[in-house]
Amino acid sequence: MRQVELRPAPRWIPGEVVFEVHSRAHGPVGEVAYMQLDRASGSAEVGIVIFERFRGMGYGEAALRALLDHLFQSVGLRRVWLRVLPANRPALRCYRKCGFRVVREVRWPLLGILRYLVMELRQEDFQSQKEEVAGEEGQEVSDMAESAGTVHP
């Protein structure tokens, strides 16, 4: 898996916490963010953008795993969710690899045409998946945050 580091973005968006995704080899390769933080329910929406020239190189999965680890371990969330267009097959593949499951289809009123999918991941499912991946990798039973990336507040 790619090595990435999440760094606070130099810009501020009201209601969002944005991190730049950095790789040692390429520098900034994208951004991840969380928004709609609800501490009472322990949930937030997440978003990710990998710059076009770095897509298909594994940065999306590494960046998302680093953000999820931060949200579940440091922020203390129990559930994260996201929205994705059904035609965005690479994103769907990445989200499923990270453990997300489709929980709802949102359609245009009256037309009934599929607008987007809502996917979610629960902390216990993410933790179980981390343990499975670590077991499969044999020697790398250590914290996936080290192999997926780190977050510097």
Protein backbone atom coordinates (compact mmCIF):
# COMPACT_ATOMS: atom_id res chain seq x y z
CA MET A 1 0.00 0.00 0.00
CA ARG A 2 1.18 3.53 -0.75
CA GLN A 3 2.72 5.62 2.00
CA VAL A 4 0.93 8.91 2.60
CA GLU A 5 0.90 11.64 5.19
CA LEU A 6 -2.09 13.84 5.97
CA ARG A 7 -1.29 17.48 6.68
CA PRO A 8 -3.70 20.28 7.56
CA ALA A 9 -4.67 22.14 4.39
CA PRO A 10 -3.61 25.80 4.25
CA ARG A 11 -7.16 26.85 3.40
CA TRP A 12 -10.23 26.92 5.59
CA ILE A 13 -13.71 25.85 4.60
CA PRO A 14 -16.49 26.56 7.14
CA GLY A 15 -17.75 23.32 8.68
CA GLU A 16 -15.02 21.15 7.12
CA VAL A 17 -11.69 19.82 8.31
CA VAL A 18 -9.45 19.43 5.26
CA PHE A 19 -6.12 17.61 5.00
CA GLU A 20 -3.68 17.58 2.11
CA VAL A 21 -2.52 14.11 1.10
CA HIS A 22 1.27 14.00 0.64
CA SER A 23 3.48 11.30 -0.77
CA ARG A 24 7.25 11.25 -0.40
CA ALA A 25 7.65 10.53 -4.10
CA HIS A 26 5.19 13.09 -5.50
CA GLY A 27 4.41 15.69 -2.83
CA PRO A 28 0.73 16.72 -2.71
CA VAL A 29 -1.46 14.12 -4.45
CA GLY A 30 -4.93 15.11 -3.22
CA GLU A 31 -7.12 16.06 -0.28
CA VAL A 32 -9.37 14.34 2.23
CA ALA A 33 -11.90 16.00 4.50
CA TYR A 34 -14.59 15.42 7.02
CA MET A 35 -17.69 17.51 7.57
CA GLN A 36 -21.11 17.38 9.20
CA LEU A 37 -19.43 16.23 12.40
CA ASP A 38 -22.06 15.09 14.90
CA ARG A 39 -20.37 14.34 18.21
CA ALA A 40 -23.66 13.23 19.82
CA SER A 41 -24.08 10.37 17.33
CA GLY A 42 -20.33 9.93 16.75
CA SER A 43 -20.62 10.37 12.99
CA ALA A 44 -19.34 12.51 10.13
CA GLU A 45 -19.35 12.64 6.35
CA VAL A 46 -16.02 12.13 4.58
CA GLY A 47 -14.81 13.22 1.17
CA ILE A 48 -11.74 12.60 -0.93
CA VAL A 49 -10.16 14.04 -4.07
CA ILE A 50 -7.05 12.56 -5.62
CA PHE A 51 -5.54 14.79 -8.28
CA GLU A 52 -6.16 13.33 -11.72
CA ARG A 53 -2.56 12.47 -12.59
CA PHE A 54 -2.23 10.36 -9.40
CA ARG A 55 -5.44 8.36 -9.76
CA GLY A 56 -5.18 4.60 -10.10
CA MET A 57 -1.92 4.52 -8.12
CA GLY A 58 -3.31 3.48 -4.72
CA TYR A 59 -3.23 6.92 -3.14
CA GLY A 60 -7.00 7.05 -2.64
CA GLU A 61 -7.11 3.91 -0.54
CA ALA A 62 -4.06 4.91 1.51
CA ALA A 63 -5.39 8.43 2.12
CA LEU A 64 -8.86 7.24 3.04
CA ARG A 65 -7.47 4.61 5.44
CA ALA A 66 -5.29 7.26 7.11
CA LEU A 67 -8.29 9.57 7.51
CA LEU A 68 -10.50 6.75 8.84
CA ASP A 69 -7.86 5.74 11.36
CA HIS A 70 -7.66 9.37 12.54
CA LEU A 71 -11.43 9.72 12.81
CA PHE A 72 -12.02 6.44 14.63
CA GLN A 73 -8.96 6.55 16.91
CA SER A 74 -8.25 10.24 17.58
CA VAL A 75 -11.61 11.92 17.04
CA GLY A 76 -13.55 9.00 18.54
CA LEU A 77 -16.20 8.59 15.84
CA ARG A 78 -18.27 5.43 15.59
CA ARG A 79 -19.56 5.86 12.03
CA VAL A 80 -18.54 7.68 8.86
CA TRP A 81 -20.47 8.02 5.64
CA LEU A 82 -20.03 9.40 2.14
CA ARG A 83 -21.89 10.08 -1.07
CA VAL A 84 -20.74 8.75 -4.43
CA LEU A 85 -22.06 8.82 -7.98
CA PRO A 86 -22.98 5.31 -9.12
CA ALA A 87 -20.96 5.74 -12.33
CA ASN A 88 -17.74 6.47 -10.39
CA ARG A 89 -16.50 2.86 -10.48
CA PRO A 90 -12.93 3.57 -9.31
CA ALA A 91 -14.25 5.40 -6.22
CA LEU A 92 -16.74 2.62 -5.47
CA ARG A 93 -13.94 0.05 -5.71
CA CYS A 94 -11.75 2.11 -3.35
CA TYR A 95 -14.55 2.62 -0.82
CA ARG A 96 -15.42 -1.07 -0.81
CA LYS A 97 -11.75 -1.99 -0.29
CA CYS A 98 -11.79 0.27 2.78
CA GLY A 99 -14.90 -1.50 4.11
CA PHE A 100 -17.72 0.88 3.11
CA ARG A 101 -21.12 -0.61 2.31
CA VAL A 102 -24.02 0.94 0.35
CA VAL A 103 -26.81 1.81 2.79
CA ARG A 104 -29.08 3.93 0.61
CA GLU A 105 -29.82 4.96 -2.95
CA VAL A 106 -30.95 8.56 -3.43
CA ARG A 107 -33.14 9.18 -6.48
CA TRP A 108 -34.43 12.30 -8.18
CA PRO A 109 -38.01 12.97 -7.08
CA LEU A 110 -40.68 12.24 -9.67
CA LEU A 111 -38.19 10.84 -12.20
CA GLY A 112 -36.92 8.04 -10.00
CA ILE A 113 -33.48 8.24 -11.60
CA LEU A 114 -30.60 7.22 -9.35
CA ARG A 115 -28.79 10.37 -8.19
CA TYR A 116 -26.13 9.04 -5.80
CA LEU A 117 -25.34 6.28 -3.33
CA VAL A 118 -24.80 6.70 0.39
CA MET A 119 -22.14 4.43 1.84
CA GLU A 120 -21.11 4.00 5.45
CA LEU A 121 -18.45 2.38 7.58
CA ARG A 122 -18.70 1.63 11.28
CA GLN A 123 -15.71 1.76 13.59
CA GLU A 124 -16.00 -1.91 14.61
CA ASP A 125 -16.06 -3.01 10.95
CA PHE A 126 -13.01 -0.87 10.16
CA GLN A 127 -11.15 -2.32 13.14
CA SER A 128 -12.04 -5.89 12.12
CA GLN A 129 -10.88 -5.22 8.58
CA LYS A 130 -7.59 -3.75 9.86
CA GLU A 131 -6.97 -6.89 11.87
CA GLU A 132 -7.75 -9.13 8.88
CA VAL A 133 -5.44 -7.15 6.60
CA ALA A 134 -2.69 -7.19 9.23
CA GLY A 135 -3.07 -10.95 9.63
CA GLU A 136 -2.88 -11.48 5.87
CA GLU A 137 0.26 -9.41 5.62
CA GLY A 138 1.97 -11.56 8.24
CA GLN A 139 4.72 -9.37 9.64
CA GLU A 140 2.73 -6.14 9.49
CA VAL A 141 0.46 -6.78 12.46
CA SER A 142 1.38 -3.33 13.73
CA ASP A 143 -0.92 -0.34 13.51
CA MET A 144 -2.25 0.23 9.96
CA ALA A 145 -1.91 3.97 10.55
CA GLU A 146 1.85 3.52 10.17
CA SER A 147 1.50 1.67 6.89
CA ALA A 148 -1.37 3.76 5.51
CA GLY A 149 -0.14 7.14 6.65
CA THR A 150 -0.04 9.57 9.52
CA VAL A 151 -1.99 12.65 10.46
CA HIS A 152 -0.21 15.74 11.74
CA PRO A 153 -2.58 18.15 13.48
